[in-house]
Protein backbone atom coordinates (compact mmCIF):
# COMPACT_ATOMS: atom_id res chain seq x y z
CA MET A 1 -6.03 21.01 18.82
CA SER A 2 -2.33 20.51 18.18
CA GLY A 3 -0.80 17.91 15.94
CA PRO A 4 -1.97 17.00 12.26
CA LEU A 5 -5.54 17.08 11.30
CA LEU A 6 -5.36 13.55 9.86
CA LYS A 7 -2.92 10.93 11.04
CA VAL A 8 -2.89 7.48 9.39
CA GLU A 9 -0.91 4.63 11.12
CA ASN A 10 -0.37 1.22 9.45
CA LEU A 11 -3.52 1.29 7.56
CA THR A 12 -3.98 -2.10 6.10
CA LYS A 13 -6.81 -3.55 3.71
CA HIS A 14 -6.98 -7.34 2.66
CA TYR A 15 -9.76 -8.78 0.49
CA PRO A 16 -10.16 -12.49 0.87
CA LEU A 17 -10.85 -14.36 -2.17
CA GLY A 18 -13.65 -16.89 -1.52
CA THR A 19 -14.35 -18.49 1.82
CA GLY A 20 -13.20 -21.57 3.74
CA PHE A 21 -13.20 -23.24 7.10
CA LEU A 22 -9.39 -22.41 7.64
CA LYS A 23 -9.04 -18.65 7.02
CA LYS A 24 -5.32 -19.11 6.70
CA SER A 25 -5.74 -20.98 3.60
CA VAL A 26 -7.90 -18.59 1.88
CA PRO A 27 -5.76 -16.36 -0.52
CA VAL A 28 -6.22 -12.72 -0.06
CA ILE A 29 -5.57 -9.43 -2.31
CA ARG A 30 -3.10 -7.25 -0.35
CA ALA A 31 -4.58 -4.03 -1.65
CA VAL A 32 -3.05 -1.70 1.16
CA GLU A 33 -0.24 -2.71 3.28
CA GLU A 34 0.80 -0.68 6.45
CA VAL A 35 0.35 2.79 4.95
CA SER A 36 1.22 5.74 7.20
CA PHE A 37 1.09 9.47 6.59
CA SER A 38 -0.30 12.71 8.18
CA VAL A 39 -2.15 15.82 6.72
CA GLU A 40 -1.99 19.14 8.38
CA ALA A 41 -4.92 21.57 8.28
CA GLY A 42 -4.89 23.66 4.93
CA GLU A 43 -2.45 21.03 3.37
CA THR A 44 -2.82 18.96 0.11
CA LEU A 45 -1.28 15.52 0.26
CA CYS A 46 -1.41 13.86 -3.23
CA ILE A 47 -1.24 10.13 -3.54
CA VAL A 48 0.23 8.79 -6.92
CA GLY A 49 1.09 5.48 -8.55
CA GLU A 50 0.22 3.16 -11.19
CA SER A 51 -3.41 1.65 -11.47
CA GLY A 52 -4.00 -0.91 -8.96
CA CYS A 53 -1.43 0.38 -6.37
CA GLY A 54 -4.06 1.12 -3.82
CA LYS A 55 -4.60 4.76 -4.13
CA SER A 56 -8.37 4.58 -4.44
CA THR A 57 -8.54 1.83 -1.69
CA VAL A 58 -6.87 4.25 0.77
CA ALA A 59 -9.49 7.04 -0.24
CA ARG A 60 -12.40 4.54 0.50
CA LEU A 61 -10.75 3.40 3.74
CA LEU A 62 -10.38 7.26 4.90
CA MET A 63 -14.09 7.48 4.15
CA ARG A 64 -14.90 4.35 5.96
CA LEU A 65 -16.68 3.16 2.76
CA VAL A 66 -14.89 0.01 3.15
CA GLU A 67 -13.69 -1.37 6.70
CA PRO A 68 -9.90 -1.68 7.24
CA THR A 69 -8.37 -4.99 8.12
CA GLY A 70 -5.86 -3.22 10.46
CA GLY A 71 -4.48 0.32 11.39
CA ARG A 72 -5.91 3.60 12.60
CA VAL A 73 -7.22 6.56 11.00
CA LEU A 74 -7.02 9.62 13.43
CA LEU A 75 -8.92 12.67 12.51
CA ASP A 76 -8.10 15.34 15.16
CA GLY A 77 -6.82 12.65 17.47
CA THR A 78 -10.16 10.36 17.26
CA ASP A 79 -9.69 6.93 15.66
CA ILE A 80 -12.58 7.16 13.24
CA ALA A 81 -11.64 3.62 11.94
CA GLY A 82 -13.03 2.25 15.10
CA LEU A 83 -16.25 4.31 15.61
CA LYS A 84 -19.47 2.51 15.29
CA LYS A 85 -22.96 3.91 13.92
CA GLU A 86 -24.06 7.10 15.61
CA ALA A 87 -20.58 8.14 16.54
CA LEU A 88 -19.28 7.60 13.09
CA HIS A 89 -22.43 9.38 11.58
CA ALA A 90 -21.39 12.54 13.69
CA TRP A 91 -17.84 12.54 12.43
CA ARG A 92 -18.91 12.24 8.74
CA ARG A 93 -19.51 15.88 8.77
CA ARG A 94 -15.65 16.49 9.10
CA ILE A 95 -14.67 14.58 6.07
CA GLN A 96 -16.33 14.60 2.54
CA MET A 97 -15.44 13.11 -0.71
CA VAL A 98 -15.45 14.44 -4.54
CA PHE A 99 -15.54 11.34 -6.80
CA GLN A 100 -14.01 10.66 -10.07
CA ASP A 101 -16.95 10.36 -12.37
CA PRO A 102 -19.12 13.48 -12.36
CA TYR A 103 -21.82 11.64 -14.32
CA SER A 104 -22.31 8.67 -12.06
CA SER A 105 -21.72 10.32 -8.70
CA LEU A 106 -24.77 12.52 -8.77
CA ASN A 107 -28.44 11.34 -8.51
CA PRO A 108 -29.99 12.03 -11.97
CA ARG A 109 -33.51 12.56 -10.35
CA LEU A 110 -32.51 15.30 -7.98
CA THR A 111 -32.09 18.99 -8.96
CA ALA A 112 -28.73 20.49 -8.37
CA GLY A 113 -30.15 22.25 -5.24
CA ARG A 114 -31.44 19.16 -3.66
CA ILE A 115 -28.02 17.34 -4.32
CA ILE A 116 -26.30 20.19 -2.54
CA THR A 117 -28.58 20.27 0.45
CA GLU A 118 -29.36 16.60 0.84
CA PRO A 119 -26.08 15.89 2.99
CA VAL A 120 -27.00 18.73 5.45
CA GLU A 121 -30.53 17.28 5.81
CA ASN A 122 -29.01 14.03 7.00
CA PHE A 123 -27.99 15.91 10.00
CA GLU A 124 -30.66 18.74 10.62
CA ARG A 125 -34.03 19.77 9.31
CA LEU A 126 -33.90 22.67 6.80
CA SER A 127 -36.87 24.93 5.72
CA ARG A 128 -37.34 25.47 1.98
CA LYS A 129 -36.02 29.08 2.37
CA GLN A 130 -32.86 27.77 4.16
CA ARG A 131 -32.31 25.01 1.32
CA GLN A 132 -32.61 27.56 -1.41
CA ALA A 133 -30.13 30.22 0.54
CA LEU A 134 -27.66 27.33 1.09
CA ALA A 135 -27.56 26.14 -2.48
CA ALA A 136 -27.42 29.46 -3.88
CA ASP A 137 -24.48 30.37 -1.61
CA LEU A 138 -22.51 27.11 -2.43
CA LEU A 139 -23.19 27.29 -6.23
CA ARG A 140 -21.73 31.00 -6.12
CA LYS A 141 -18.70 29.67 -4.30
CA VAL A 142 -18.01 27.03 -7.03
CA GLY A 143 -18.35 29.62 -9.84
CA MET A 144 -22.02 28.68 -10.98
CA SER A 145 -25.10 30.78 -11.15
CA PRO A 146 -27.72 30.18 -8.30
CA GLU A 147 -30.47 29.69 -10.97
CA MET A 148 -28.84 26.30 -11.91
CA MET A 149 -30.08 24.97 -8.57
CA HIS A 150 -33.32 24.08 -10.46
CA ARG A 151 -31.55 22.02 -13.24
CA LEU A 152 -30.92 18.22 -13.38
CA PRO A 153 -27.44 16.75 -13.77
CA SER A 154 -28.41 15.76 -17.23
CA ASP A 155 -28.73 19.72 -18.05
CA LEU A 156 -25.08 20.29 -16.92
CA SER A 157 -21.75 19.93 -18.69
CA GLY A 158 -18.95 17.67 -17.21
CA GLY A 159 -17.23 20.65 -15.71
CA GLN A 160 -20.53 21.92 -14.09
CA ARG A 161 -21.27 18.53 -12.51
CA GLN A 162 -17.93 18.33 -11.12
CA ARG A 163 -18.47 21.80 -9.65
CA LEU A 164 -21.78 20.56 -8.32
CA GLY A 165 -19.90 17.66 -6.66
CA ILE A 166 -17.45 19.84 -4.92
CA ALA A 167 -20.56 22.16 -3.60
CA ARG A 168 -22.13 18.91 -2.31
CA ALA A 169 -18.81 18.21 -0.54
CA LEU A 170 -18.60 21.83 0.99
CA SER A 171 -22.20 21.84 2.08
CA LEU A 172 -21.15 20.31 5.44
CA ASN A 173 -18.28 22.77 5.99
CA PRO A 174 -15.76 19.71 6.30
CA SER A 175 -12.18 19.99 7.47
CA LEU A 176 -10.81 17.33 5.02
CA ILE A 177 -12.04 16.54 1.50
CA ILE A 178 -10.88 13.22 -0.34
CA ALA A 179 -10.65 13.79 -4.01
CA ASP A 180 -10.42 10.54 -5.82
CA GLU A 181 -9.17 11.43 -9.55
CA ALA A 182 -11.50 14.34 -9.33
CA VAL A 183 -10.27 15.98 -12.66
CA SER A 184 -9.28 12.99 -14.74
CA ALA A 185 -12.73 12.61 -16.56
CA LEU A 186 -12.53 16.26 -17.73
CA ASP A 187 -11.10 18.16 -20.59
CA VAL A 188 -7.59 19.74 -19.84
CA SER A 189 -8.84 23.37 -19.90
CA VAL A 190 -11.70 22.41 -17.52
CA GLN A 191 -9.23 20.58 -15.28
CA ALA A 192 -7.16 23.71 -14.70
CA GLN A 193 -10.52 25.48 -13.79
CA ILE A 194 -11.36 22.98 -11.23
CA LEU A 195 -7.86 22.77 -9.74
CA ASN A 196 -7.70 26.48 -9.45
CA LEU A 197 -11.24 26.57 -7.96
CA LEU A 198 -10.00 23.93 -5.23
CA ARG A 199 -6.92 25.88 -4.30
CA ASP A 200 -9.01 29.15 -4.08
CA LEU A 201 -11.54 27.26 -1.76
CA GLN A 202 -8.55 25.89 0.31
CA GLN A 203 -7.22 29.41 0.90
CA GLN A 204 -10.61 30.72 1.74
CA MET A 205 -11.89 28.09 4.07
CA GLY A 206 -8.74 26.27 5.28
CA ILE A 207 -9.74 22.83 3.91
CA ALA A 208 -7.08 20.07 3.77
CA PHE A 209 -7.21 17.68 0.75
CA VAL A 210 -6.08 14.22 0.14
CA PHE A 211 -5.88 14.22 -3.52
CA ILE A 212 -5.71 10.97 -5.52
CA SER A 213 -4.25 11.23 -9.04
CA HIS A 214 -2.24 9.35 -11.80
CA ASP A 215 -1.51 12.69 -13.59
CA LEU A 216 1.85 13.85 -12.48
CA GLY A 217 1.32 17.26 -14.26
CA VAL A 218 -1.91 17.83 -12.14
CA VAL A 219 0.02 16.71 -8.90
CA GLU A 220 3.09 18.97 -9.62
CA HIS A 221 0.66 21.89 -9.91
CA PHE A 222 -1.50 21.25 -7.02
CA ALA A 223 0.17 19.31 -4.19
CA HIS A 224 2.12 20.30 -1.01
CA ARG A 225 3.40 16.98 -0.29
CA VAL A 226 3.35 13.75 -2.59
CA ALA A 227 3.12 9.94 -1.52
CA VAL A 228 4.00 7.53 -4.11
CA MET A 229 2.51 4.05 -3.72
CA TYR A 230 3.55 0.83 -5.26
CA LEU A 231 1.80 -2.42 -4.64
CA GLY A 232 -0.07 -1.13 -1.70
CA ARG A 233 2.79 0.50 0.07
CA ILE A 234 4.15 4.03 0.28
CA VAL A 235 7.80 4.00 -1.25
CA GLU A 236 8.52 7.83 -0.96
CA LEU A 237 6.78 10.70 0.61
CA ALA A 238 8.34 14.11 -0.10
CA PRO A 239 7.56 17.60 -0.56
CA CYS A 240 6.18 18.34 -3.99
CA GLU A 241 9.01 20.41 -5.42
CA ALA A 242 11.76 18.24 -3.88
CA LEU A 243 10.09 14.99 -5.36
CA PHE A 244 9.90 16.46 -8.85
CA THR A 245 13.26 17.92 -8.73
CA LYS A 246 15.27 15.07 -7.53
CA PRO A 247 13.38 11.87 -6.81
CA VAL A 248 15.28 9.21 -4.71
CA HIS A 249 13.26 5.95 -5.08
CA PRO A 250 13.88 4.12 -8.28
CA TYR A 251 10.10 3.78 -8.82
CA THR A 252 9.45 7.44 -8.30
CA GLU A 253 12.44 8.01 -10.99
CA ALA A 254 10.53 5.82 -13.34
CA LEU A 255 7.25 7.46 -12.81
CA ILE A 256 8.43 11.06 -13.40
CA GLY A 257 10.63 9.60 -16.34
CA ALA A 258 7.56 8.24 -18.06
CA ALA A 259 5.55 11.34 -17.75
CA PRO A 260 5.20 13.50 -20.97
CA VAL A 261 7.08 16.71 -20.64
CA PRO A 262 5.49 19.79 -22.56
CA ASP A 263 8.33 22.04 -22.17
CA PRO A 264 11.21 21.08 -24.76
CA ARG A 265 13.90 22.82 -22.78
CA ARG A 266 13.16 20.76 -19.55
CA VAL A 267 15.58 17.79 -18.95
CA ARG A 268 13.75 14.55 -18.86
CA LEU A 269 14.75 11.91 -16.58
CA GLU A 270 15.35 8.68 -18.26
CA ALA A 271 14.69 5.76 -15.88
CA PRO A 272 12.87 2.99 -17.81
CA VAL A 273 11.36 0.14 -15.98
CA GLU A 274 10.65 -3.18 -17.56
CA GLY A 275 8.01 -5.87 -16.69
CA GLU A 276 4.48 -5.72 -15.07
CA VAL A 277 3.45 -4.83 -11.63
CA PRO A 278 3.35 -8.07 -9.48
CA SER A 279 -0.03 -9.59 -8.42
CA PRO A 280 -1.24 -8.38 -5.07
CA ILE A 281 -2.44 -11.87 -4.33
CA ASN A 282 1.13 -12.98 -4.40
CA PRO A 283 3.38 -10.11 -3.83
CA PRO A 284 7.23 -10.64 -4.15
CA SER A 285 9.09 -11.07 -0.91
CA GLY A 286 11.20 -8.32 0.30
CA CYS A 287 10.80 -5.01 -1.55
CA ALA A 288 7.87 -5.32 -3.90
CA PHE A 289 9.55 -3.33 -6.76
CA HIS A 290 12.81 -5.62 -6.77
CA PRO A 291 11.73 -7.68 -9.69
CA ARG A 292 11.53 -4.39 -11.96
CA CYS A 293 14.27 -2.41 -10.13
CA PRO A 294 17.69 -1.97 -12.03
CA LEU A 295 19.45 -1.39 -8.56
CA ALA A 296 18.05 -4.34 -6.81
CA LEU A 297 20.41 -6.14 -4.38
CA GLU A 298 20.00 -9.53 -2.81
CA ARG A 299 18.90 -7.70 0.51
CA CYS A 300 16.03 -6.42 -1.53
CA ARG A 301 14.68 -9.86 -2.28
CA ILE A 302 14.55 -10.76 1.31
CA GLU A 303 13.84 -7.71 3.55
CA VAL A 304 10.95 -5.22 3.38
CA PRO A 305 12.68 -1.73 3.35
CA PRO A 306 11.45 0.60 5.89
CA LEU A 307 10.68 4.32 5.32
CA VAL A 308 13.96 6.05 6.23
CA PRO A 309 14.16 9.97 6.79
CA MET A 310 16.48 11.99 4.26
CA PRO A 311 18.03 15.18 5.06
CA ASP A 312 15.58 17.23 2.94
CA GLY A 313 12.55 16.07 4.91
CA ARG A 314 11.37 13.09 2.76
CA VAL A 315 10.94 9.63 3.74
CA VAL A 316 12.04 6.69 1.27
CA ALA A 317 11.79 2.89 1.58
CA CYS A 318 14.87 1.74 -0.37
CA HIS A 319 17.66 -0.51 0.61
CA VAL A 320 20.00 1.13 -2.07
CA ARG A 321 19.09 4.84 -1.93
CA ALA A 322 18.11 5.07 1.63
CA PRO A 323 19.63 2.18 3.52
CA ALA A 324 18.30 1.96 7.16
CA THR A 325 20.96 1.78 9.88
CA ASP A 326 20.77 0.71 13.57
CA ILE A 327 22.59 3.72 15.03
CA PRO A 328 21.46 4.63 18.46
CA GLY A 329 19.10 7.66 18.52
CA ARG A 330 17.95 7.12 15.07
CA PRO A 331 14.68 8.90 14.41
CA VAL A 332 11.45 6.84 14.74
CA LEU A 333 8.60 6.99 12.35
CA ALA A 334 5.23 8.31 13.79
CA GLY A 335 2.78 8.60 10.90
CA ASP A 336 5.06 10.07 8.39
CA ARG A 337 6.74 12.54 10.81
CA TRP A 338 9.92 11.68 12.64
CA SER A 339 11.10 12.23 16.08
CA LEU A 340 14.04 11.08 18.31
């Protein structure tokens, strides 16, 4: 089918605080606000931002682990955000998840082999011989010995457990894998092994990734494109090299400037940002970043900046660096792709 594998349109998630007769009087946490992006087959989109910006909520919304307040999640043109029960069950084969914690995300009472084959048995019955063959094949793919299928998670190291989680995600041969901080709990040397494994699997199987991370070093190594989130909204989405070479949004500048640089010859961006992230219960009017932004104008305090296309293919939401214009024929946003 032509078009992107995954297309997210105006995805929104609000969590009400308490209950009341008048729903309008109940305050809500605005976890995700009108997020739009797309992912091509075989592509890696990384989503970055400070803790609490909505990255993990986006991952759960894509997996339908939580229900969206609004918006659409199109997988090969089908809105999975609107599917119910049996229809959703069938589509779950196409999209799987690798969780952050390799210790709590695996059933401690099941062997590695059963953990790998359990998702498949939710859809079809397997004989003992088929289960063993499938487990052995997937363990080899993730760089583990087939003999490990008889071990419990407690017998494995952190890196081996995360490889097991990846093997479980691969068991249904998905088109898209959501990886939520999939390497943040691992040692640096093991992180590199897991990232290289994911890249190899992507090249072999054509899998697309939505990779959630706060580690910009990991993102720069692994991403094709990067979406930067702040207080539930995407403020910049760009090809990876362009974003790290020349960030446009002041918040993107601040994130990259705050990241440690291991190479002493590399020039470090200096873009300090003061203050705390505002509360998602009572976000600022206009641009949510304006209370901390050194470039903020009066317009920034009033109007929410739209995502505007830049000449290098990125989109940016900033009244100062990427001001919107009302010129006839201006490109229109569809997902994160622009058309006239």
